[in-house]
Amino acid sequence: KFVRSVYKVVYNARLGLEKGQEVVYITERAVFRLTRKGLRLEEY
């Protein structure tokens, strides 16, 4: 589910960062945070 390119963009992360959004991706085994350089793994 964590892929190089999504099939269709429904949330645009670049525009979200430009707006100043805080974005976290939560799964059962990993927690990531969105940065300007990409996803950062913060918890496992």
PDB file of all heavy atoms in Angstrom:
ATOM      1  N   LYS A   1       0.820  -1.209   0.000  1.00  0.00           N
ATOM      2  CA  LYS A   1       0.000   0.000   0.000  1.00  0.00           C
ATOM      3  C   LYS A   1       0.856   1.262   0.000  1.00  0.00           C
ATOM      4  O   LYS A   1       0.363   2.340  -0.338  1.00  0.00           O
ATOM      5  CB  LYS A   1      -0.942  -0.004   1.207  1.00  0.00           C
ATOM      6  CG  LYS A   1      -1.960  -1.147   1.170  1.00  0.00           C
ATOM      7  CD  LYS A   1      -2.783  -1.246   2.443  1.00  0.00           C
ATOM      8  CE  LYS A   1      -3.722  -0.073   2.632  1.00  0.00           C
ATOM      9  NZ  LYS A   1      -4.596  -0.267   3.817  1.00  0.00           N
ATOM     10  N   PHE A   2       2.108   1.133   0.383  1.00  0.00           N
ATOM     11  CA  PHE A   2       3.049   2.245   0.307  1.00  0.00           C
ATOM     12  C   PHE A   2       3.843   2.072  -0.981  1.00  0.00           C
ATOM     13  O   PHE A   2       4.747   1.239  -1.068  1.00  0.00           O
ATOM     14  CB  PHE A   2       3.945   2.284   1.544  1.00  0.00           C
ATOM     15  CG  PHE A   2       3.206   2.767   2.766  1.00  0.00           C
ATOM     16  CD1 PHE A   2       2.429   1.895   3.514  1.00  0.00           C
ATOM     17  CD2 PHE A   2       3.271   4.095   3.156  1.00  0.00           C
ATOM     18  CE1 PHE A   2       1.728   2.338   4.629  1.00  0.00           C
ATOM     19  CE2 PHE A   2       2.573   4.552   4.271  1.00  0.00           C
ATOM     20  CZ  PHE A   2       1.795   3.667   5.010  1.00  0.00           C
ATOM     21  N   VAL A   3       3.438   2.826  -2.009  1.00  0.00           N
ATOM     22  CA  VAL A   3       3.886   2.594  -3.380  1.00  0.00           C
ATOM     23  C   VAL A   3       4.655   3.801  -3.909  1.00  0.00           C
ATOM     24  O   VAL A   3       4.593   4.899  -3.350  1.00  0.00           O
ATOM     25  CB  VAL A   3       2.674   2.300  -4.292  1.00  0.00           C
ATOM     26  CG1 VAL A   3       1.973   1.015  -3.859  1.00  0.00           C
ATOM     27  CG2 VAL A   3       1.674   3.466  -4.274  1.00  0.00           C
ATOM     28  N   ARG A   4       5.377   3.587  -5.019  1.00  0.00           N
ATOM     29  CA  ARG A   4       6.148   4.682  -5.595  1.00  0.00           C
ATOM     30  C   ARG A   4       5.234   5.789  -6.112  1.00  0.00           C
ATOM     31  O   ARG A   4       5.514   6.972  -5.933  1.00  0.00           O
ATOM     32  CB  ARG A   4       7.051   4.158  -6.711  1.00  0.00           C
ATOM     33  CG  ARG A   4       8.137   5.137  -7.116  1.00  0.00           C
ATOM     34  CD  ARG A   4       9.260   4.464  -7.879  1.00  0.00           C
ATOM     35  NE  ARG A   4       9.935   3.452  -7.099  1.00  0.00           N
ATOM     36  CZ  ARG A   4      10.838   3.705  -6.160  1.00  0.00           C
ATOM     37  NH1 ARG A   4      11.145   4.965  -5.870  1.00  0.00           N
ATOM     38  NH2 ARG A   4      11.419   2.738  -5.488  1.00  0.00           N
ATOM     39  N   SER A   5       4.131   5.395  -6.785  1.00  0.00           N
ATOM     40  CA  SER A   5       3.154   6.382  -7.268  1.00  0.00           C
ATOM     41  C   SER A   5       1.757   5.812  -7.076  1.00  0.00           C
ATOM     42  O   SER A   5       1.515   4.652  -7.429  1.00  0.00           O
ATOM     43  CB  SER A   5       3.380   6.699  -8.748  1.00  0.00           C
ATOM     44  OG  SER A   5       4.613   7.338  -8.957  1.00  0.00           O
ATOM     45  N   VAL A   6       0.838   6.595  -6.531  1.00  0.00           N
ATOM     46  CA  VAL A   6      -0.535   6.122  -6.354  1.00  0.00           C
ATOM     47  C   VAL A   6      -1.224   6.071  -7.713  1.00  0.00           C
ATOM     48  O   VAL A   6      -0.870   6.802  -8.649  1.00  0.00           O
ATOM     49  CB  VAL A   6      -1.326   7.032  -5.392  1.00  0.00           C
ATOM     50  CG1 VAL A   6      -0.713   6.994  -4.006  1.00  0.00           C
ATOM     51  CG2 VAL A   6      -1.414   8.462  -5.907  1.00  0.00           C
ATOM     52  N   TYR A   7      -2.245   5.224  -7.820  1.00  0.00           N
ATOM     53  CA  TYR A   7      -2.987   5.093  -9.079  1.00  0.00           C
ATOM     54  C   TYR A   7      -3.694   6.395  -9.434  1.00  0.00           C
ATOM     55  O   TYR A   7      -3.638   6.856 -10.578  1.00  0.00           O
ATOM     56  CB  TYR A   7      -3.988   3.938  -8.957  1.00  0.00           C
ATOM     57  CG  TYR A   7      -4.946   3.822 -10.122  1.00  0.00           C
ATOM     58  CD1 TYR A   7      -4.482   3.540 -11.394  1.00  0.00           C
ATOM     59  CD2 TYR A   7      -6.321   4.006  -9.934  1.00  0.00           C
ATOM     60  CE1 TYR A   7      -5.366   3.443 -12.470  1.00  0.00           C
ATOM     61  CE2 TYR A   7      -7.200   3.906 -10.992  1.00  0.00           C
ATOM     62  CZ  TYR A   7      -6.715   3.622 -12.268  1.00  0.00           C
ATOM     63  OH  TYR A   7      -7.587   3.540 -13.315  1.00  0.00           O
ATOM     64  N   LYS A   8      -4.371   6.991  -8.467  1.00  0.00           N
ATOM     65  CA  LYS A   8      -5.019   8.290  -8.650  1.00  0.00           C
ATOM     66  C   LYS A   8      -4.732   9.138  -7.409  1.00  0.00           C
ATOM     67  O   LYS A   8      -4.857   8.657  -6.282  1.00  0.00           O
ATOM     68  CB  LYS A   8      -6.539   8.161  -8.820  1.00  0.00           C
ATOM     69  CG  LYS A   8      -6.982   7.380 -10.045  1.00  0.00           C
ATOM     70  CD  LYS A   8      -6.727   8.130 -11.340  1.00  0.00           C
ATOM     71  CE  LYS A   8      -7.244   7.334 -12.536  1.00  0.00           C
ATOM     72  NZ  LYS A   8      -6.890   7.998 -13.823  1.00  0.00           N
ATOM     73  N   VAL A   9      -4.356  10.385  -7.623  1.00  0.00           N
ATOM     74  CA  VAL A   9      -4.136  11.308  -6.502  1.00  0.00           C
ATOM     75  C   VAL A   9      -5.485  11.887  -6.075  1.00  0.00           C
ATOM     76  O   VAL A   9      -6.157  12.543  -6.865  1.00  0.00           O
ATOM     77  CB  VAL A   9      -3.177  12.448  -6.893  1.00  0.00           C
ATOM     78  CG1 VAL A   9      -3.062  13.467  -5.748  1.00  0.00           C
ATOM     79  CG2 VAL A   9      -1.800  11.893  -7.263  1.00  0.00           C
ATOM     80  N   VAL A  10      -5.872  11.623  -4.838  1.00  0.00           N
ATOM     81  CA  VAL A  10      -7.089  12.206  -4.283  1.00  0.00           C
ATOM     82  C   VAL A  10      -6.733  13.211  -3.178  1.00  0.00           C
ATOM     83  O   VAL A  10      -7.468  14.165  -2.956  1.00  0.00           O
ATOM     84  CB  VAL A  10      -8.052  11.115  -3.779  1.00  0.00           C
ATOM     85  CG1 VAL A  10      -9.387  11.713  -3.343  1.00  0.00           C
ATOM     86  CG2 VAL A  10      -8.291  10.066  -4.879  1.00  0.00           C
ATOM     87  N   TYR A  11      -5.598  12.994  -2.519  1.00  0.00           N
ATOM     88  CA  TYR A  11      -5.024  14.002  -1.626  1.00  0.00           C
ATOM     89  C   TYR A  11      -3.656  14.374  -2.176  1.00  0.00           C
ATOM     90  O   TYR A  11      -2.799  13.505  -2.376  1.00  0.00           O
ATOM     91  CB  TYR A  11      -4.880  13.488  -0.196  1.00  0.00           C
ATOM     92  CG  TYR A  11      -4.040  14.403   0.669  1.00  0.00           C
ATOM     93  CD1 TYR A  11      -4.544  15.621   1.121  1.00  0.00           C
ATOM     94  CD2 TYR A  11      -2.727  14.081   1.002  1.00  0.00           C
ATOM     95  CE1 TYR A  11      -3.777  16.483   1.885  1.00  0.00           C
ATOM     96  CE2 TYR A  11      -1.945  14.930   1.772  1.00  0.00           C
ATOM     97  CZ  TYR A  11      -2.471  16.132   2.205  1.00  0.00           C
ATOM     98  OH  TYR A  11      -1.710  16.982   2.948  1.00  0.00           O
ATOM     99  N   ASN A  12      -3.438  15.658  -2.422  1.00  0.00           N
ATOM    100  CA  ASN A  12      -2.171  16.144  -2.958  1.00  0.00           C
ATOM    101  C   ASN A  12      -1.312  16.648  -1.811  1.00  0.00           C
ATOM    102  O   ASN A  12      -1.599  17.686  -1.206  1.00  0.00           O
ATOM    103  CB  ASN A  12      -2.434  17.263  -3.975  1.00  0.00           C
ATOM    104  CG  ASN A  12      -1.182  17.696  -4.710  1.00  0.00           C
ATOM    105  OD1 ASN A  12      -0.206  18.107  -4.092  1.00  0.00           O
ATOM    106  ND2 ASN A  12      -1.211  17.606  -6.033  1.00  0.00           N
ATOM    107  N   ALA A  13      -0.251  15.915  -1.510  1.00  0.00           N
ATOM    108  CA  ALA A  13       0.580  16.225  -0.352  1.00  0.00           C
ATOM    109  C   ALA A  13       1.340  17.539  -0.533  1.00  0.00           C
ATOM    110  O   ALA A  13       1.535  18.279   0.432  1.00  0.00           O
ATOM    111  CB  ALA A  13       1.556  15.088  -0.094  1.00  0.00           C
ATOM    112  N   ARG A  14       1.796  17.828  -1.750  1.00  0.00           N
ATOM    113  CA  ARG A  14       2.529  19.069  -1.981  1.00  0.00           C
ATOM    114  C   ARG A  14       1.669  20.281  -1.640  1.00  0.00           C
ATOM    115  O   ARG A  14       2.121  21.211  -0.955  1.00  0.00           O
ATOM    116  CB  ARG A  14       2.996  19.141  -3.443  1.00  0.00           C
ATOM    117  CG  ARG A  14       3.716  20.455  -3.791  1.00  0.00           C
ATOM    118  CD  ARG A  14       4.094  20.506  -5.263  1.00  0.00           C
ATOM    119  NE  ARG A  14       2.926  20.439  -6.127  1.00  0.00           N
ATOM    120  CZ  ARG A  14       2.151  21.482  -6.425  1.00  0.00           C
ATOM    121  NH1 ARG A  14       2.393  22.670  -5.898  1.00  0.00           N
ATOM    122  NH2 ARG A  14       1.121  21.330  -7.244  1.00  0.00           N
ATOM    123  N   LEU A  15       0.409  20.270  -2.095  1.00  0.00           N
ATOM    124  CA  LEU A  15      -0.480  21.388  -1.786  1.00  0.00           C
ATOM    125  C   LEU A  15      -0.793  21.444  -0.291  1.00  0.00           C
ATOM    126  O   LEU A  15      -0.949  22.529   0.277  1.00  0.00           O
ATOM    127  CB  LEU A  15      -1.767  21.260  -2.605  1.00  0.00           C
ATOM    128  CG  LEU A  15      -1.607  21.392  -4.135  1.00  0.00           C
ATOM    129  CD1 LEU A  15      -2.941  21.233  -4.834  1.00  0.00           C
ATOM    130  CD2 LEU A  15      -0.963  22.718  -4.499  1.00  0.00           C
ATOM    131  N   GLY A  16      -0.884  20.272   0.332  1.00  0.00           N
ATOM    132  CA  GLY A  16      -1.115  20.242   1.774  1.00  0.00           C
ATOM    133  C   GLY A  16       0.024  20.883   2.545  1.00  0.00           C
ATOM    134  O   GLY A  16      -0.201  21.670   3.482  1.00  0.00           O
ATOM    135  N   LEU A  17       1.252  20.570   2.155  1.00  0.00           N
ATOM    136  CA  LEU A  17       2.407  21.172   2.813  1.00  0.00           C
ATOM    137  C   LEU A  17       2.453  22.682   2.580  1.00  0.00           C
ATOM    138  O   LEU A  17       2.787  23.457   3.484  1.00  0.00           O
ATOM    139  CB  LEU A  17       3.696  20.524   2.299  1.00  0.00           C
ATOM    140  CG  LEU A  17       3.992  19.111   2.813  1.00  0.00           C
ATOM    141  CD1 LEU A  17       5.148  18.497   2.041  1.00  0.00           C
ATOM    142  CD2 LEU A  17       4.300  19.121   4.308  1.00  0.00           C
ATOM    143  N   GLU A  18       2.089  23.108   1.349  1.00  0.00           N
ATOM    144  CA  GLU A  18       2.075  24.544   1.059  1.00  0.00           C
ATOM    145  C   GLU A  18       1.071  25.281   1.938  1.00  0.00           C
ATOM    146  O   GLU A  18       1.274  26.440   2.296  1.00  0.00           O
ATOM    147  CB  GLU A  18       1.754  24.765  -0.422  1.00  0.00           C
ATOM    148  CG  GLU A  18       2.885  24.386  -1.362  1.00  0.00           C
ATOM    149  CD  GLU A  18       2.508  24.567  -2.823  1.00  0.00           C
ATOM    150  OE1 GLU A  18       1.372  25.033  -3.100  1.00  0.00           O
ATOM    151  OE2 GLU A  18       3.332  24.227  -3.695  1.00  0.00           O
ATOM    152  N   LYS A  19      -0.026  24.589   2.292  1.00  0.00           N
ATOM    153  CA  LYS A  19      -1.040  25.189   3.169  1.00  0.00           C
ATOM    154  C   LYS A  19      -0.643  25.137   4.641  1.00  0.00           C
ATOM    155  O   LYS A  19      -1.316  25.712   5.492  1.00  0.00           O
ATOM    156  CB  LYS A  19      -2.382  24.460   3.006  1.00  0.00           C
ATOM    157  CG  LYS A  19      -3.100  24.723   1.708  1.00  0.00           C
ATOM    158  CD  LYS A  19      -4.444  24.020   1.714  1.00  0.00           C
ATOM    159  CE  LYS A  19      -5.311  24.534   2.846  1.00  0.00           C
ATOM    160  NZ  LYS A  19      -6.581  23.799   2.970  1.00  0.00           N
ATOM    161  N   GLY A  20       0.419  24.382   4.952  1.00  0.00           N
ATOM    162  CA  GLY A  20       0.838  24.259   6.340  1.00  0.00           C
ATOM    163  C   GLY A  20       0.155  23.130   7.091  1.00  0.00           C
ATOM    164  O   GLY A  20       0.150  23.129   8.336  1.00  0.00           O
ATOM    165  N   GLN A  21      -0.417  22.172   6.377  1.00  0.00           N
ATOM    166  CA  GLN A  21      -1.073  21.048   7.052  1.00  0.00           C
ATOM    167  C   GLN A  21      -0.065  20.184   7.807  1.00  0.00           C
ATOM    168  O   GLN A  21       1.071  19.994   7.353  1.00  0.00           O
ATOM    169  CB  GLN A  21      -1.799  20.163   6.027  1.00  0.00           C
ATOM    170  CG  GLN A  21      -3.163  20.645   5.620  1.00  0.00           C
ATOM    171  CD  GLN A  21      -3.832  19.680   4.652  1.00  0.00           C
ATOM    172  OE1 GLN A  21      -3.190  19.125   3.762  1.00  0.00           O
ATOM    173  NE2 GLN A  21      -5.125  19.486   4.812  1.00  0.00           N
ATOM    174  N   GLU A  22      -0.490  19.653   8.930  1.00  0.00           N
ATOM    175  CA  GLU A  22       0.257  18.605   9.631  1.00  0.00           C
ATOM    176  C   GLU A  22      -0.345  17.268   9.213  1.00  0.00           C
ATOM    177  O   GLU A  22      -1.568  17.090   9.301  1.00  0.00           O
ATOM    178  CB  GLU A  22       0.133  18.769  11.143  1.00  0.00           C
ATOM    179  CG  GLU A  22       0.665  20.100  11.675  1.00  0.00           C
ATOM    180  CD  GLU A  22       0.397  20.243  13.161  1.00  0.00           C
ATOM    181  OE1 GLU A  22       0.262  19.206  13.859  1.00  0.00           O
ATOM    182  OE2 GLU A  22       0.315  21.391  13.625  1.00  0.00           O
ATOM    183  N   VAL A  23       0.486  16.337   8.752  1.00  0.00           N
ATOM    184  CA  VAL A  23      -0.020  15.094   8.182  1.00  0.00           C
ATOM    185  C   VAL A  23       0.711  13.899   8.789  1.00  0.00           C
ATOM    186  O   VAL A  23       1.949  13.846   8.782  1.00  0.00           O
ATOM    187  CB  VAL A  23       0.128  15.068   6.642  1.00  0.00           C
ATOM    188  CG1 VAL A  23      -0.510  13.810   6.064  1.00  0.00           C
ATOM    189  CG2 VAL A  23      -0.507  16.312   6.017  1.00  0.00           C
ATOM    190  N   VAL A  24      -0.068  12.946   9.299  1.00  0.00           N
ATOM    191  CA  VAL A  24       0.465  11.722   9.895  1.00  0.00           C
ATOM    192  C   VAL A  24      -0.230  10.532   9.239  1.00  0.00           C
ATOM    193  O   VAL A  24      -1.421  10.590   8.937  1.00  0.00           O
ATOM    194  CB  VAL A  24       0.237  11.699  11.424  1.00  0.00           C
ATOM    195  CG1 VAL A  24       0.814  10.432  12.039  1.00  0.00           C
ATOM    196  CG2 VAL A  24       0.848  12.937  12.073  1.00  0.00           C
ATOM    197  N   TYR A  25       0.533   9.454   9.023  1.00  0.00           N
ATOM    198  CA  TYR A  25       0.013   8.224   8.425  1.00  0.00           C
ATOM    199  C   TYR A  25       0.152   7.123   9.479  1.00  0.00           C
ATOM    200  O   TYR A  25       1.266   6.810   9.915  1.00  0.00           O
ATOM    201  CB  TYR A  25       0.794   7.851   7.167  1.00  0.00           C
ATOM    202  CG  TYR A  25       0.868   8.978   6.149  1.00  0.00           C
ATOM    203  CD1 TYR A  25       1.817  10.004   6.291  1.00  0.00           C
ATOM    204  CD2 TYR A  25       0.008   9.035   5.064  1.00  0.00           C
ATOM    205  CE1 TYR A  25       1.896  11.047   5.372  1.00  0.00           C
ATOM    206  CE2 TYR A  25       0.081  10.072   4.134  1.00  0.00           C
ATOM    207  CZ  TYR A  25       1.016  11.076   4.299  1.00  0.00           C
ATOM    208  OH  TYR A  25       1.096  12.113   3.389  1.00  0.00           O
ATOM    209  N   ILE A  26      -0.979   6.549   9.884  1.00  0.00           N
ATOM    210  CA  ILE A  26      -1.008   5.629  11.023  1.00  0.00           C
ATOM    211  C   ILE A  26      -1.414   4.235  10.563  1.00  0.00           C
ATOM    212  O   ILE A  26      -2.464   4.063   9.929  1.00  0.00           O
ATOM    213  CB  ILE A  26      -1.986   6.147  12.097  1.00  0.00           C
ATOM    214  CG1 ILE A  26      -1.518   7.504  12.624  1.00  0.00           C
ATOM    215  CG2 ILE A  26      -2.122   5.140  13.236  1.00  0.00           C
ATOM    216  CD1 ILE A  26      -2.534   8.209  13.513  1.00  0.00           C
ATOM    217  N   THR A  27      -0.607   3.247  10.887  1.00  0.00           N
ATOM    218  CA  THR A  27      -0.927   1.847  10.608  1.00  0.00           C
ATOM    219  C   THR A  27      -0.741   1.041  11.882  1.00  0.00           C
ATOM    220  O   THR A  27      -0.345   1.575  12.918  1.00  0.00           O
ATOM    221  CB  THR A  27      -0.025   1.265   9.491  1.00  0.00           C
ATOM    222  OG1 THR A  27       1.273   0.968  10.033  1.00  0.00           O
ATOM    223  CG2 THR A  27       0.116   2.232   8.320  1.00  0.00           C
ATOM    224  N   GLU A  28      -1.004  -0.248  11.792  1.00  0.00           N
ATOM    225  CA  GLU A  28      -0.875  -1.101  12.968  1.00  0.00           C
ATOM    226  C   GLU A  28       0.582  -1.362  13.348  1.00  0.00           C
ATOM    227  O   GLU A  28       0.881  -1.799  14.465  1.00  0.00           O
ATOM    228  CB  GLU A  28      -1.601  -2.435  12.738  1.00  0.00           C
ATOM    229  CG  GLU A  28      -0.849  -3.483  11.931  1.00  0.00           C
ATOM    230  CD  GLU A  28      -0.768  -3.176  10.434  1.00  0.00           C
ATOM    231  OE1 GLU A  28      -1.419  -2.207   9.966  1.00  0.00           O
ATOM    232  OE2 GLU A  28      -0.052  -3.912   9.725  1.00  0.00           O
ATOM    233  N   ARG A  29       1.503  -1.100  12.415  1.00  0.00           N
ATOM    234  CA  ARG A  29       2.912  -1.426  12.698  1.00  0.00           C
ATOM    235  C   ARG A  29       3.862  -0.249  12.529  1.00  0.00           C
ATOM    236  O   ARG A  29       5.048  -0.374  12.881  1.00  0.00           O
ATOM    237  CB  ARG A  29       3.376  -2.570  11.805  1.00  0.00           C
ATOM    238  CG  ARG A  29       3.574  -2.194  10.340  1.00  0.00           C
ATOM    239  CD  ARG A  29       3.921  -3.367   9.475  1.00  0.00           C
ATOM    240  NE  ARG A  29       2.764  -4.230   9.269  1.00  0.00           N
ATOM    241  CZ  ARG A  29       2.755  -5.257   8.432  1.00  0.00           C
ATOM    242  NH1 ARG A  29       3.844  -5.564   7.753  1.00  0.00           N
ATOM    243  NH2 ARG A  29       1.671  -5.995   8.279  1.00  0.00           N
ATOM    244  N   ALA A  30       3.384   0.855  11.964  1.00  0.00           N
ATOM    245  CA  ALA A  30       4.273   1.971  11.692  1.00  0.00           C
ATOM    246  C   ALA A  30       3.488   3.273  11.694  1.00  0.00           C
ATOM    247  O   ALA A  30       2.321   3.307  11.311  1.00  0.00           O
ATOM    248  CB  ALA A  30       4.970   1.781  10.343  1.00  0.00           C
ATOM    249  N   VAL A  31       4.158   4.331  12.130  1.00  0.00           N
ATOM    250  CA  VAL A  31       3.595   5.679  12.081  1.00  0.00           C
ATOM    251  C   VAL A  31       4.587   6.558  11.327  1.00  0.00           C
ATOM    252  O   VAL A  31       5.776   6.614  11.680  1.00  0.00           O
ATOM    253  CB  VAL A  31       3.339   6.244  13.488  1.00  0.00           C
ATOM    254  CG1 VAL A  31       2.813   7.678  13.402  1.00  0.00           C
ATOM    255  CG2 VAL A  31       2.352   5.361  14.249  1.00  0.00           C
ATOM    256  N   PHE A  32       4.088   7.246  10.277  1.00  0.00           N
ATOM    257  CA  PHE A  32       4.925   8.133   9.469  1.00  0.00           C
ATOM    258  C   PHE A  32       4.411   9.563   9.598  1.00  0.00           C
ATOM    259  O   PHE A  32       3.224   9.793   9.836  1.00  0.00           O
ATOM    260  CB  PHE A  32       4.857   7.743   7.987  1.00  0.00           C
ATOM    261  CG  PHE A  32       5.296   6.340   7.671  1.00  0.00           C
ATOM    262  CD1 PHE A  32       4.387   5.292   7.696  1.00  0.00           C
ATOM    263  CD2 PHE A  32       6.616   6.067   7.340  1.00  0.00           C
ATOM    264  CE1 PHE A  32       4.777   4.000   7.396  1.00  0.00           C
ATOM    265  CE2 PHE A  32       7.024   4.779   7.034  1.00  0.00           C
ATOM    266  CZ  PHE A  32       6.096   3.740   7.067  1.00  0.00           C
ATOM    267  N   ARG A  33       5.315  10.520   9.378  1.00  0.00           N
ATOM    268  CA  ARG A  33       4.929  11.924   9.333  1.00  0.00           C
ATOM    269  C   ARG A  33       5.395  12.507   8.002  1.00  0.00           C
ATOM    270  O   ARG A  33       6.471  12.154   7.503  1.00  0.00           O
ATOM    271  CB  ARG A  33       5.543  12.702  10.496  1.00  0.00           C
ATOM    272  CG  ARG A  33       4.970  14.110  10.672  1.00  0.00           C
ATOM    273  CD  ARG A  33       5.441  14.724  11.990  1.00  0.00           C
ATOM    274  NE  ARG A  33       4.967  13.975  13.147  1.00  0.00           N
ATOM    275  CZ  ARG A  33       3.803  14.172  13.747  1.00  0.00           C
ATOM    276  NH1 ARG A  33       2.971  15.104  13.288  1.00  0.00           N
ATOM    277  NH2 ARG A  33       3.458  13.461  14.805  1.00  0.00           N
ATOM    278  N   LEU A  34       4.566  13.381   7.419  1.00  0.00           N
ATOM    279  CA  LEU A  34       4.902  14.005   6.138  1.00  0.00           C
ATOM    280  C   LEU A  34       5.861  15.165   6.365  1.00  0.00           C
ATOM    281  O   LEU A  34       5.621  16.034   7.205  1.00  0.00           O
ATOM    282  CB  LEU A  34       3.633  14.497   5.444  1.00  0.00           C
ATOM    283  CG  LEU A  34       3.820  15.189   4.086  1.00  0.00           C
ATOM    284  CD1 LEU A  34       4.410  14.224   3.059  1.00  0.00           C
ATOM    285  CD2 LEU A  34       2.490  15.747   3.584  1.00  0.00           C
ATOM    286  N   THR A  35       6.953  15.165   5.611  1.00  0.00           N
ATOM    287  CA  THR A  35       7.903  16.275   5.620  1.00  0.00           C
ATOM    288  C   THR A  35       8.089  16.746   4.181  1.00  0.00           C
ATOM    289  O   THR A  35       7.636  16.113   3.234  1.00  0.00           O
ATOM    290  CB  THR A  35       9.268  15.848   6.190  1.00  0.00           C
ATOM    291  OG1 THR A  35       9.965  15.044   5.218  1.00  0.00           O
ATOM    292  CG2 THR A  35       9.105  15.047   7.476  1.00  0.00           C
ATOM    293  N   ARG A  36       8.799  17.852   4.016  1.00  0.00           N
ATOM    294  CA  ARG A  36       9.038  18.368   2.664  1.00  0.00           C
ATOM    295  C   ARG A  36       9.958  17.452   1.860  1.00  0.00           C
ATOM    296  O   ARG A  36      10.041  17.572   0.635  1.00  0.00           O
ATOM    297  CB  ARG A  36       9.598  19.790   2.728  1.00  0.00           C
ATOM    298  CG  ARG A  36       8.599  20.775   3.304  1.00  0.00           C
ATOM    299  CD  ARG A  36       8.963  22.214   3.070  1.00  0.00           C
ATOM    300  NE  ARG A  36       7.919  23.103   3.582  1.00  0.00           N
ATOM    301  CZ  ARG A  36       6.819  23.420   2.930  1.00  0.00           C
ATOM    302  NH1 ARG A  36       6.614  22.938   1.714  1.00  0.00           N
ATOM    303  NH2 ARG A  36       5.911  24.224   3.470  1.00  0.00           N
ATOM    304  N   LYS A  37      10.633  16.540   2.525  1.00  0.00           N
ATOM    305  CA  LYS A  37      11.505  15.583   1.836  1.00  0.00           C
ATOM    306  C   LYS A  37      10.839  14.228   1.644  1.00  0.00           C
ATOM    307  O   LYS A  37      11.442  13.318   1.073  1.00  0.00           O
ATOM    308  CB  LYS A  37      12.811  15.415   2.617  1.00  0.00           C
ATOM    309  CG  LYS A  37      13.659  16.682   2.655  1.00  0.00           C
ATOM    310  CD  LYS A  37      14.962  16.436   3.404  1.00  0.00           C
ATOM    311  CE  LYS A  37      15.825  17.704   3.419  1.00  0.00           C
ATOM    312  NZ  LYS A  37      17.099  17.487   4.150  1.00  0.00           N
ATOM    313  N   GLY A  38       9.603  14.085   2.108  1.00  0.00           N
ATOM    314  CA  GLY A  38       8.896  12.815   1.962  1.00  0.00           C
ATOM    315  C   GLY A  38       8.438  12.265   3.296  1.00  0.00           C
ATOM    316  O   GLY A  38       8.430  12.974   4.320  1.00  0.00           O
ATOM    317  N   LEU A  39       8.066  10.977   3.307  1.00  0.00           N
ATOM    318  CA  LEU A  39       7.569  10.343   4.533  1.00  0.00           C
ATOM    319  C   LEU A  39       8.726   9.997   5.467  1.00  0.00           C
ATOM    320  O   LEU A  39       9.756   9.459   5.028  1.00  0.00           O
ATOM    321  CB  LEU A  39       6.797   9.066   4.192  1.00  0.00           C
ATOM    322  CG  LEU A  39       5.275   9.219   4.087  1.00  0.00           C
ATOM    323  CD1 LEU A  39       4.923  10.155   2.930  1.00  0.00           C
ATOM    324  CD2 LEU A  39       4.621   7.858   3.875  1.00  0.00           C
ATOM    325  N   ARG A  40       8.503  10.276   6.752  1.00  0.00           N
ATOM    326  CA  ARG A  40       9.509   9.953   7.763  1.00  0.00           C
ATOM    327  C   ARG A  40       8.928   8.952   8.752  1.00  0.00           C
ATOM    328  O   ARG A  40       7.865   9.216   9.356  1.00  0.00           O
ATOM    329  CB  ARG A  40       9.938  11.221   8.488  1.00  0.00           C
ATOM    330  CG  ARG A  40      11.042  10.989   9.539  1.00  0.00           C
ATOM    331  CD  ARG A  40      11.503  12.307  10.126  1.00  0.00           C
ATOM    332  NE  ARG A  40      10.448  12.929  10.916  1.00  0.00           N
ATOM    333  CZ  ARG A  40      10.315  14.238  11.059  1.00  0.00           C
ATOM    334  NH1 ARG A  40      11.141  15.071  10.452  1.00  0.00           N
ATOM    335  NH2 ARG A  40       9.341  14.729  11.825  1.00  0.00           N
ATOM    336  N   LEU A  41       9.584   7.814   8.906  1.00  0.00           N
ATOM    337  CA  LEU A  41       9.149   6.794   9.867  1.00  0.00           C
ATOM    338  C   LEU A  41       9.510   7.247  11.271  1.00  0.00           C
ATOM    339  O   LEU A  41      10.675   7.521  11.568  1.00  0.00           O
ATOM    340  CB  LEU A  41       9.829   5.456   9.549  1.00  0.00           C
ATOM    341  CG  LEU A  41       9.528   4.299  10.508  1.00  0.00           C
ATOM    342  CD1 LEU A  41       8.047   3.932  10.480  1.00  0.00           C
ATOM    343  CD2 LEU A  41      10.385   3.076  10.172  1.00  0.00           C
ATOM    344  N   GLU A  42       8.477   7.318  12.145  1.00  0.00           N
ATOM    345  CA  GLU A  42       8.699   7.813  13.497  1.00  0.00           C
ATOM    346  C   GLU A  42       8.461   6.770  14.579  1.00  0.00           C
ATOM    347  O   GLU A  42       9.053   6.857  15.641  1.00  0.00           O
ATOM    348  CB  GLU A  42       7.799   9.027  13.756  1.00  0.00           C
ATOM    349  CG  GLU A  42       8.098  10.203  12.825  1.00  0.00           C
ATOM    350  CD  GLU A  42       7.639  11.527  13.379  1.00  0.00           C
ATOM    351  OE1 GLU A  42       6.640  11.534  14.140  1.00  0.00           O
ATOM    352  OE2 GLU A  42       8.270  12.547  13.067  1.00  0.00           O
ATOM    353  N   GLU A  43       7.578   5.787  14.297  1.00  0.00           N
ATOM    354  CA  GLU A  43       7.276   4.773  15.308  1.00  0.00           C
ATOM    355  C   GLU A  43       7.086   3.421  14.632  1.00  0.00           C
ATOM    356  O   GLU A  43       6.677   3.348  13.461  1.00  0.00           O
ATOM    357  CB  GLU A  43       5.990   5.133  16.075  1.00  0.00           C
ATOM    358  CG  GLU A  43       6.045   6.416  16.871  1.00  0.00           C
ATOM    359  CD  GLU A  43       4.723   6.699  17.580  1.00  0.00           C
ATOM    360  OE1 GLU A  43       3.962   5.730  17.833  1.00  0.00           O
ATOM    361  OE2 GLU A  43       4.438   7.868  17.867  1.00  0.00           O
ATOM    362  N   TYR A  44       7.365   2.359  15.378  1.00  0.00           N
ATOM    363  CA  TYR A  44       7.131   0.997  14.894  1.00  0.00           C
ATOM    364  C   TYR A  44       6.543   0.176  16.038  1.00  0.00           C
ATOM    365  O   TYR A  44       6.736   0.492  17.221  1.00  0.00           O
ATOM    366  CB  TYR A  44       8.419   0.355  14.369  1.00  0.00           C
ATOM    367  CG  TYR A  44       9.504   0.212  15.408  1.00  0.00           C
ATOM    368  CD1 TYR A  44       9.645  -0.956  16.160  1.00  0.00           C
ATOM    369  CD2 TYR A  44      10.370   1.276  15.676  1.00  0.00           C
ATOM    370  CE1 TYR A  44      10.619  -1.080  17.124  1.00  0.00           C
ATOM    371  CE2 TYR A  44      11.348   1.168  16.644  1.00  0.00           C
ATOM    372  CZ  TYR A  44      11.469  -0.012  17.364  1.00  0.00           C
ATOM    373  OH  TYR A  44      12.442  -0.133  18.342  1.00  0.00           O
TER     374      TYR A  44
END
